[in-house]
Structures are given as C-alpha cells and as structure tokens.
Protein backbone atom coordinates (compact mmCIF):
# COMPACT_ATOMS: atom_id res chain seq x y z
CA MET A 1 -18.90 19.34 -13.33
CA ALA A 2 -16.49 17.55 -11.00
CA ASP A 3 -16.92 18.21 -7.27
CA THR A 4 -19.61 20.87 -7.79
CA ASP A 5 -22.61 19.20 -9.40
CA ALA A 6 -26.20 20.27 -8.77
CA PRO A 7 -27.88 19.54 -5.44
CA HIS A 8 -29.28 16.09 -4.79
CA ASP A 9 -31.63 15.16 -1.97
CA ASN A 10 -29.50 12.62 -0.05
CA HIS A 11 -30.07 13.73 3.52
CA GLY A 12 -32.08 10.70 4.59
CA HIS A 13 -29.86 8.17 2.85
CA ARG A 14 -26.65 9.64 4.21
CA GLY A 15 -28.16 9.85 7.65
CA ARG A 16 -28.86 6.12 7.51
CA LEU A 17 -25.31 5.41 6.38
CA ARG A 18 -23.96 7.59 9.17
CA LYS A 19 -26.10 5.78 11.75
CA ARG A 20 -25.00 2.34 10.54
CA LEU A 21 -21.37 3.44 10.62
CA ALA A 22 -21.71 4.84 14.15
CA GLU A 23 -23.46 1.74 15.47
CA GLY A 24 -21.61 -1.01 13.62
CA GLY A 25 -18.28 0.48 12.53
CA GLY A 26 -16.77 0.05 9.09
CA ASP A 27 -18.04 -3.51 8.75
CA ALA A 28 -21.61 -2.21 8.76
CA LEU A 29 -21.13 -0.61 5.33
CA LEU A 30 -20.46 -2.25 1.98
CA ASP A 31 -17.39 -1.19 0.01
CA HIS A 32 -19.37 1.07 -2.31
CA GLU A 33 -21.08 2.67 0.70
CA LEU A 34 -17.74 3.46 2.35
CA ILE A 35 -16.47 5.15 -0.82
CA GLU A 36 -19.85 6.80 -1.38
CA TYR A 37 -19.86 8.35 2.09
CA LEU A 38 -16.22 9.41 1.82
CA LEU A 39 -16.95 11.18 -1.45
CA ALA A 40 -20.07 12.74 0.06
CA LEU A 41 -17.87 14.55 2.58
CA ALA A 42 -16.01 16.12 -0.36
CA ILE A 43 -19.08 16.61 -2.61
CA PRO A 44 -21.96 17.17 -0.16
CA ARG A 45 -24.47 18.41 -2.77
CA ARG A 46 -24.27 15.38 -5.04
CA ASP A 47 -25.42 11.75 -5.13
CA THR A 48 -22.05 9.98 -4.92
CA LYS A 49 -23.23 6.37 -5.05
CA PRO A 50 -22.90 6.05 -8.88
CA LEU A 51 -19.41 7.56 -8.78
CA ALA A 52 -18.37 5.20 -5.96
CA LYS A 53 -19.50 2.21 -7.99
CA VAL A 54 -17.65 3.44 -11.09
CA LEU A 55 -14.44 3.84 -9.08
CA LEU A 56 -14.70 0.36 -7.57
CA THR A 57 -15.27 -1.19 -10.98
CA GLN A 58 -12.51 0.76 -12.71
CA PHE A 59 -9.86 0.15 -10.03
CA GLY A 60 -10.83 -3.38 -9.11
CA GLY A 61 -12.12 -2.89 -5.57
CA ILE A 62 -11.67 -0.66 -2.56
CA GLY A 63 -7.94 -1.40 -2.25
CA GLY A 64 -7.39 -0.32 -5.84
CA VAL A 65 -9.38 2.88 -5.32
CA LEU A 66 -7.50 3.93 -2.20
CA THR A 67 -4.06 3.20 -3.67
CA ALA A 68 -4.79 4.62 -7.13
CA ASP A 69 -2.55 7.36 -8.44
CA PRO A 70 -4.16 10.81 -8.03
CA GLU A 71 -3.83 11.46 -11.76
CA ALA A 72 -5.63 8.22 -12.56
CA LEU A 73 -8.42 9.11 -10.13
CA SER A 74 -8.78 12.58 -11.64
CA ARG A 75 -9.36 11.07 -15.10
CA VAL A 76 -12.60 9.47 -13.89
CA SER A 77 -15.57 11.59 -14.88
CA GLY A 78 -16.95 13.35 -11.82
CA MET A 79 -13.73 13.33 -9.83
CA GLY A 80 -12.20 16.69 -9.01
CA GLU A 81 -9.36 17.90 -6.80
CA THR A 82 -11.42 17.76 -3.60
CA SER A 83 -12.74 14.23 -4.14
CA VAL A 84 -9.30 12.95 -5.18
CA ALA A 85 -7.84 14.51 -2.05
CA ALA A 86 -10.51 12.80 0.08
CA ILE A 87 -9.57 9.39 -1.33
CA LYS A 88 -5.84 9.98 -0.83
CA ILE A 89 -6.17 11.30 2.73
CA ALA A 90 -8.19 8.21 3.66
CA HIS A 91 -5.45 6.02 2.22
CA ALA A 92 -2.72 7.99 4.00
CA ALA A 93 -4.54 7.68 7.33
CA ALA A 94 -4.98 3.92 6.87
CA ILE A 95 -1.29 3.47 6.04
CA ARG A 96 -0.25 5.63 9.01
CA LEU A 97 -2.35 3.45 11.31
CA VAL A 98 -0.93 0.11 10.21
CA LYS A 99 2.62 1.48 9.99
CA SER A 100 2.43 2.61 13.61
CA GLU A 101 1.80 -1.01 14.60
CA VAL A 102 4.97 -2.08 12.76
CA ALA A 103 7.11 0.64 14.34
CA ALA A 104 5.96 -0.11 17.89
CA ARG A 105 7.59 -3.54 18.29
CA PRO A 106 10.50 -5.57 16.90
CA VAL A 107 9.56 -6.45 13.34
CA LEU A 108 10.36 -10.16 13.56
CA ALA A 109 8.04 -10.49 16.56
CA ASN A 110 5.30 -8.53 14.80
CA TRP A 111 5.25 -10.25 11.43
CA GLN A 112 1.50 -10.12 10.79
CA ALA A 113 1.41 -6.37 11.38
CA LEU A 114 4.23 -6.00 8.87
CA LEU A 115 2.36 -8.02 6.25
CA ASP A 116 -0.82 -6.02 6.88
CA TYR A 117 1.12 -2.78 6.35
CA LEU A 118 2.81 -3.97 3.18
CA ARG A 119 -0.40 -5.31 1.68
CA ALA A 120 -2.25 -2.07 2.45
CA ASP A 121 0.47 0.03 0.89
CA MET A 122 1.60 -2.10 -2.05
CA ALA A 123 -0.78 -4.87 -3.09
CA HIS A 124 -2.87 -2.73 -5.43
CA HIS A 125 -0.16 -0.38 -6.62
CA PRO A 126 -0.21 -0.21 -10.44
CA VAL A 127 3.59 -0.08 -10.88
CA GLU A 128 6.34 -2.17 -9.35
CA ARG A 129 8.13 -0.63 -6.38
CA PHE A 130 11.17 -1.94 -4.52
CA ARG A 131 11.64 -0.93 -0.90
CA VAL A 132 14.06 -1.83 1.86
CA LEU A 133 13.12 -1.97 5.52
CA HIS A 134 16.19 -1.09 7.59
CA LEU A 135 16.36 -2.59 11.10
CA ASN A 136 18.61 -1.94 14.08
CA THR A 137 20.25 -4.57 16.30
CA ARG A 138 16.95 -5.05 18.17
CA ASN A 139 15.08 -5.55 14.86
CA MET A 140 13.21 -2.27 15.32
CA LEU A 141 12.36 -0.38 12.15
CA LEU A 142 14.91 2.35 11.45
CA ARG A 143 13.71 3.40 8.03
CA ASP A 144 11.28 2.35 5.33
CA ASP A 145 13.12 3.23 2.16
CA VAL A 146 11.36 3.13 -1.23
CA MET A 147 14.36 2.81 -3.53
CA SER A 148 12.82 2.50 -6.97
CA LYS A 149 9.58 2.79 -8.85
CA GLY A 150 9.56 0.87 -12.07
CA THR A 151 7.28 0.27 -15.00
CA ILE A 152 4.29 -2.01 -14.72
CA ASP A 153 6.53 -5.07 -14.54
CA GLU A 154 9.99 -4.11 -13.28
CA ALA A 155 11.83 -1.91 -10.84
CA ALA A 156 15.56 -1.25 -11.10
CA VAL A 157 17.48 -2.63 -8.13
CA HIS A 158 21.16 -1.77 -7.67
CA VAL A 159 22.91 -4.00 -5.16
CA ARG A 160 25.64 -1.52 -4.27
CA GLU A 161 23.08 1.22 -3.64
CA VAL A 162 21.10 -1.02 -1.27
CA ILE A 163 24.22 -1.80 0.78
CA ARG A 164 25.53 1.78 0.66
CA ARG A 165 22.27 3.09 2.10
CA ALA A 166 22.28 0.39 4.77
CA ILE A 167 25.74 1.54 5.86
CA ASP A 168 24.63 5.19 5.83
CA PHE A 169 21.62 4.39 8.03
CA GLY A 170 23.62 2.16 10.40
CA SER A 171 21.37 -0.82 9.62
CA ALA A 172 22.06 -4.17 11.24
CA ALA A 173 19.60 -6.05 9.05
CA LEU A 174 17.32 -5.61 6.06
CA ILE A 175 14.01 -6.87 4.80
CA LEU A 176 13.57 -6.49 1.05
CA VAL A 177 10.09 -5.94 -0.34
CA HIS A 178 8.57 -5.41 -3.73
CA ASN A 179 5.16 -5.77 -5.35
CA HIS A 180 3.95 -7.54 -8.48
CA PRO A 181 1.26 -5.44 -10.21
CA SER A 182 0.11 -8.58 -12.03
CA GLY A 183 -1.22 -9.79 -8.69
CA ASP A 184 0.83 -13.01 -8.72
CA PRO A 185 3.51 -12.87 -6.00
CA ALA A 186 5.53 -15.80 -7.37
CA PRO A 187 9.23 -14.78 -7.62
CA SER A 188 10.90 -14.52 -11.00
CA ARG A 189 14.41 -15.72 -11.76
CA ALA A 190 15.55 -12.09 -11.68
CA ASP A 191 13.96 -11.64 -8.23
CA ILE A 192 15.87 -14.63 -6.90
CA ASP A 193 19.17 -13.57 -8.47
CA VAL A 194 19.11 -9.98 -7.19
CA THR A 195 18.11 -11.17 -3.72
CA ARG A 196 21.04 -13.56 -3.51
CA ALA A 197 23.38 -10.81 -4.73
CA ILE A 198 22.18 -8.48 -1.97
CA VAL A 199 22.49 -11.25 0.64
CA GLU A 200 26.10 -11.93 -0.38
CA ALA A 201 27.02 -8.25 -0.46
CA GLY A 202 25.41 -7.75 2.95
CA LYS A 203 27.36 -10.64 4.48
CA ARG A 204 30.64 -9.00 3.52
CA MET A 205 29.58 -5.87 5.45
CA GLY A 206 28.04 -7.67 8.43
CA ILE A 207 24.48 -6.76 7.38
CA ALA A 208 21.91 -9.55 7.50
CA VAL A 209 19.01 -9.92 5.07
CA HIS A 210 16.13 -11.44 7.03
CA ASP A 211 13.74 -11.89 4.12
CA HIS A 212 12.51 -10.73 0.75
CA ILE A 213 8.75 -10.40 0.58
CA ILE A 214 6.82 -10.13 -2.68
CA ILE A 215 3.35 -8.60 -2.37
CA GLY A 216 0.51 -9.12 -4.82
CA THR A 217 -3.26 -8.98 -4.76
CA GLY A 218 -3.13 -12.79 -4.80
CA GLY A 219 -1.18 -12.92 -1.52
CA HIS A 220 2.50 -12.77 -0.63
CA VAL A 221 5.64 -14.87 -0.89
CA SER A 222 8.39 -14.94 1.73
CA PHE A 223 11.79 -16.00 0.38
CA ARG A 224 12.72 -17.19 3.87
CA ALA A 225 9.63 -19.40 4.13
CA GLN A 226 10.23 -20.75 0.62
CA GLY A 227 13.88 -21.64 1.38
CA LEU A 228 15.14 -19.15 -1.20
CA LEU A 229 17.55 -17.36 1.17
C-alpha cells in the first residue's frame, strides 16, 4: 500500500544517514541515499531504499526523479500522494534556491548561475518547453515566462506572441530558452529559423535578443557562442 506500508526497523540505518548528512552535507550521501532519506520523511514506517533505487533507475538519475511529472511518479508502485509531494517540494526548493541567484544580479554578469538554474529546471524534463527570460535595461530579470509546453519533441513558438508579451512586460531584451528531451542540445533547422525570426521582429521594436539557449542532459548550446545570432 503506497505511503502506508507495514513498519520496518530502520532506526539505526536512518540515524547513520542523518549523521553523515549533518557532518558532511549532501555530498556525504549517494544519490539513492538522498532519495531514500527524503522518502523516509514521507513514509517513516517503511524501508524506502528499494523504492529510491527503483525511482532512480526508472527516471534515469536524481535529476530525472526530481523533475518527473507527479502523475508519472504516482504510477510507480509504492508511491503515494505524500511521497510524490515530498519529491516535488524538494525540487521546488532547489529551483527556488538557484533562481534566487539569477534574480540577484544582472543576468549577463551572472551567466553560470543562469545555466545552473536552467539545467536544474529543464534538463530532465520529459517534454519540450519554450520559455523567454525578459530583462530590463540593466539586464535584470523581469519575468521568466514559460510560453509553451510541447510534445516530446516540439513546442509551438509564435513569434508575434513572444514580441507582444515583451512589449506588455516592458522588456528591453530577451533570452530564449528551450530544452531537448532527447538529451542532445544541438539546434535543429527549425530552432535556428524561429530564433532568427524573433531576432528580426525584436529589432523592429527595439528589443534585443541576447541569446537562445538549448538545454539537454548532454549539456547546453548557446546560439550566441555558436555564432548563430
């Protein structure tokens, strides 16, 4: 029964995990131990190590587990509402932490923090999402706008809608971002074409496009760095 299985004598093992975490931080625990302990907080009367290992295998690692859709998590035998909520609150807290680093300074002077945020939020996402980061004249983040969620391999991008929202938000510049669920961040011909269309439309309205970043589990591609803008 999900979330409410019979008692299991884990006190000593969990105490050791807790001690290692307190003394050495997150690096002191393996991925399956981090997920195991997180689940133990939601299912205290159950041995959660087997479930943690199943989740890591099914979703391809800790990033895949944390970013997994709640419905997909709930389909795993042994996962109930409480354990799914524990996974998603951990992910939300991690994203909030790295996003605060992005918001604190001008984005162009804080590029690594931006990449860390985007990778944490998008690299393992199972469907393609297209988002626009809206910046003011000082390159501070005004708004992080997820504009479309597509199928596993495409997200609809409407050039006029991107520019209209930039005007509505008073944006001086944009950074375009999307993920490739395949893991390969290499841009497609369609990616290049829609980027150039947005750049041209932005120029006519005095709105700069600083970059288009594609995120994948295999890394990222910057259109600016590749000379594609």
